[in-house]
Amino acid sequence: MIVSDLNLSSSRATRSAVYMSVLLLTACTTTTLRPDVKPAPISAPVPWMVGCWETQDGGVTETWQSAGKQLMFGHSVTTKDGRAVFFEQLRIEAQDDSMAFYAYPLGRGPTQFKLTSEGTGRVTFEAPNHDYPQRVIYETSSSGLNAIASQVDGSRESRWAYRPCSHGAG
């Protein structure tokens, strides 16, 4: 008699546990997969920059990823003879009604560059009191992405013409 009561109790407990598991899984699945509920799109402050970019010779790679509507993270690596000779961590952050670009060359910094102009496929950030560079421009091109660093007056200009990375996302 005691054994049959235990089996009955145990059987009910097992059925209850299975039933609750199925309910939980069904609830989660239903909530997650409802076709009438679309997740909010996540875009970046400068969505056309998201991706992996490299120079024609592959010596410089710059990668950008979105971290939501107000934040992007990036990094750049320059290689020579297969060895990293320079790296930089990067961030673009939307702030109130504007944006700022932050650079951490060799992990040091940040240096903040404030948005001074924005147009279709082009953004300009400036830090006039910084030694070099004082201006950073990103723009789209027919082959991908251009980055331009210079002084505010345009002197000491350096350019990088990027194409999408040949090995995919970086």
Protein backbone atom coordinates (compact mmCIF):
# COMPACT_ATOMS: atom_id res chain seq x y z
CA MET A 1 0.00 0.00 0.00
CA ILE A 2 2.76 2.43 0.86
CA VAL A 3 4.62 1.53 -2.33
CA SER A 4 1.60 2.18 -4.54
CA ASP A 5 0.99 5.56 -2.85
CA LEU A 6 4.63 6.54 -3.53
CA ASN A 7 4.33 5.49 -7.16
CA LEU A 8 1.15 7.48 -7.53
CA SER A 9 2.72 10.54 -5.89
CA SER A 10 5.87 10.17 -7.88
CA SER A 11 3.88 9.73 -11.06
CA ARG A 12 1.84 12.88 -10.37
CA ALA A 13 5.00 14.84 -9.56
CA THR A 14 6.64 13.70 -12.78
CA ARG A 15 3.56 14.57 -14.84
CA SER A 16 3.34 17.97 -13.16
CA ALA A 17 7.00 18.67 -13.83
CA VAL A 18 6.66 17.66 -17.48
CA TYR A 19 3.46 19.71 -17.84
CA MET A 20 5.11 22.82 -16.32
CA SER A 21 8.15 22.40 -18.56
CA VAL A 22 5.98 22.17 -21.65
CA LEU A 23 4.01 25.23 -20.55
CA LEU A 24 7.19 27.23 -19.97
CA LEU A 25 8.71 26.18 -23.28
CA THR A 26 5.49 26.94 -25.12
CA ALA A 27 5.20 30.34 -23.46
CA CYS A 28 8.79 31.22 -24.35
CA THR A 29 8.47 29.95 -27.89
CA THR A 30 5.18 31.73 -28.46
CA THR A 31 6.53 35.02 -27.16
CA THR A 32 9.76 34.80 -29.10
CA LEU A 33 8.35 33.62 -32.42
CA ARG A 34 5.15 35.61 -32.75
CA PRO A 35 5.07 36.75 -36.38
CA ASP A 36 3.02 39.87 -35.56
CA VAL A 37 5.70 41.19 -33.15
CA LYS A 38 8.83 42.47 -34.87
CA PRO A 39 11.92 43.33 -32.82
CA ALA A 40 12.95 46.97 -32.95
CA PRO A 41 15.70 47.47 -35.52
CA ILE A 42 19.11 48.14 -34.02
CA SER A 43 21.03 50.71 -35.98
CA ALA A 44 24.29 52.45 -35.33
CA PRO A 45 24.94 56.19 -35.18
CA VAL A 46 26.71 55.83 -38.58
CA PRO A 47 25.21 52.58 -39.95
CA TRP A 48 27.04 52.65 -43.29
CA MET A 49 30.38 52.23 -41.45
CA VAL A 50 29.45 48.92 -39.82
CA GLY A 51 31.56 46.06 -41.13
CA CYS A 52 35.10 44.96 -41.76
CA TRP A 53 37.22 47.17 -44.03
CA GLU A 54 40.74 46.72 -45.37
CA THR A 55 43.16 48.58 -47.61
CA GLN A 56 43.92 47.14 -51.04
CA ASP A 57 47.18 45.60 -49.79
CA GLY A 58 45.54 44.29 -46.62
CA GLY A 59 48.02 46.20 -44.46
CA VAL A 60 45.35 48.14 -42.57
CA THR A 61 42.10 46.65 -41.33
CA GLU A 62 39.36 48.64 -39.61
CA THR A 63 36.29 46.97 -38.17
CA TRP A 64 33.13 48.65 -36.87
CA GLN A 65 30.17 47.12 -35.08
CA SER A 66 26.94 48.52 -33.76
CA ALA A 67 26.19 48.44 -30.07
CA GLY A 68 22.70 49.89 -30.48
CA LYS A 69 21.32 53.17 -31.72
CA GLN A 70 23.74 55.35 -29.80
CA LEU A 71 27.03 53.49 -29.81
CA MET A 72 29.54 51.91 -32.18
CA PHE A 73 32.83 50.22 -31.38
CA GLY A 74 35.72 49.85 -33.75
CA HIS A 75 39.33 48.87 -33.96
CA SER A 76 42.07 49.36 -36.49
CA VAL A 77 45.20 47.29 -36.96
CA THR A 78 48.17 48.10 -39.20
CA THR A 79 50.43 45.19 -40.10
CA LYS A 80 53.81 45.02 -41.77
CA ASP A 81 55.47 41.75 -42.71
CA GLY A 82 52.71 39.90 -40.87
CA ARG A 83 53.27 41.74 -37.58
CA ALA A 84 51.00 44.32 -35.95
CA VAL A 85 52.88 47.64 -35.88
CA PHE A 86 49.96 49.84 -34.79
CA PHE A 87 46.51 49.36 -33.32
CA GLU A 88 43.75 51.70 -32.26
CA GLN A 89 40.50 51.24 -30.42
CA LEU A 90 37.65 53.45 -31.61
CA ARG A 91 34.19 54.50 -30.49
CA ILE A 92 31.42 56.65 -31.93
CA GLU A 93 28.76 57.72 -29.49
CA ALA A 94 25.55 59.65 -30.08
CA GLN A 95 25.18 62.39 -27.47
CA ASP A 96 22.02 64.47 -27.20
CA ASP A 97 21.64 65.90 -30.71
CA SER A 98 25.21 65.20 -31.85
CA MET A 99 27.95 62.59 -31.98
CA ALA A 100 31.53 62.22 -30.85
CA PHE A 101 34.35 60.02 -32.10
CA TYR A 102 36.84 58.68 -29.54
CA ALA A 103 40.27 57.32 -30.47
CA TYR A 104 42.56 55.24 -28.26
CA PRO A 105 45.79 54.88 -30.28
CA LEU A 106 47.91 52.04 -28.89
CA GLY A 107 45.30 51.74 -26.13
CA ARG A 108 45.98 55.25 -24.80
CA GLY A 109 43.41 57.97 -24.61
CA PRO A 110 40.76 58.70 -25.36
CA THR A 111 40.95 61.72 -27.59
CA GLN A 112 37.48 63.09 -28.24
CA PHE A 113 36.60 64.49 -31.66
CA LYS A 114 33.25 66.27 -31.86
CA LEU A 115 30.98 65.99 -34.88
CA THR A 116 31.31 69.14 -37.02
CA SER A 117 29.41 68.03 -40.11
CA GLU A 118 27.31 65.14 -41.28
CA GLY A 119 25.87 64.42 -44.69
CA THR A 120 24.80 61.46 -46.75
CA GLY A 121 27.68 59.03 -46.53
CA ARG A 122 30.09 61.47 -44.84
CA VAL A 123 30.90 62.49 -41.25
CA THR A 124 33.54 64.91 -40.00
CA PHE A 125 34.85 64.98 -36.44
CA GLU A 126 37.27 67.57 -35.05
CA ALA A 127 39.47 68.16 -32.02
CA PRO A 128 41.18 71.50 -32.80
CA ASN A 129 43.35 71.43 -29.65
CA HIS A 130 44.78 67.96 -30.35
CA ASP A 131 48.30 67.69 -31.80
CA TYR A 132 47.56 65.29 -34.69
CA PRO A 133 45.17 64.54 -36.16
CA GLN A 134 42.72 67.34 -35.50
CA ARG A 135 40.15 66.21 -38.06
CA VAL A 136 38.87 62.73 -38.89
CA ILE A 137 36.55 62.20 -41.85
CA TYR A 138 34.79 59.01 -42.89
CA GLU A 139 33.00 58.82 -46.22
CA THR A 140 31.55 56.19 -48.48
CA SER A 141 33.12 55.56 -51.86
CA SER A 142 32.34 53.42 -54.88
CA SER A 143 34.68 50.72 -53.56
CA GLY A 144 33.83 50.97 -49.86
CA LEU A 145 34.93 53.42 -47.19
CA ASN A 146 37.49 56.22 -46.99
CA ALA A 147 39.08 57.54 -43.82
CA ILE A 148 40.94 60.85 -43.85
CA ALA A 149 43.02 62.28 -40.99
CA SER A 150 44.43 65.81 -41.08
CA GLN A 151 44.87 69.06 -39.26
CA VAL A 152 41.77 71.29 -39.12
CA ASP A 153 43.18 73.37 -42.00
CA GLY A 154 43.53 70.20 -44.14
CA SER A 155 47.32 70.00 -43.90
CA ARG A 156 49.21 66.79 -43.08
CA GLU A 157 46.48 64.73 -44.72
CA SER A 158 46.59 60.93 -44.57
CA ARG A 159 44.06 58.83 -46.48
CA TRP A 160 42.98 55.21 -46.28
CA ALA A 161 40.82 53.73 -49.02
CA TYR A 162 39.06 50.68 -47.63
CA ARG A 163 37.19 47.91 -49.37
CA PRO A 164 35.12 45.20 -47.65
CA CYS A 165 37.43 42.64 -46.04
CA SER A 166 38.22 39.70 -48.28
CA HIS A 167 37.93 37.26 -45.37
CA GLY A 168 34.53 38.52 -44.20
CA ALA A 169 33.66 40.23 -40.92
CA GLY A 170 36.66 40.95 -38.81
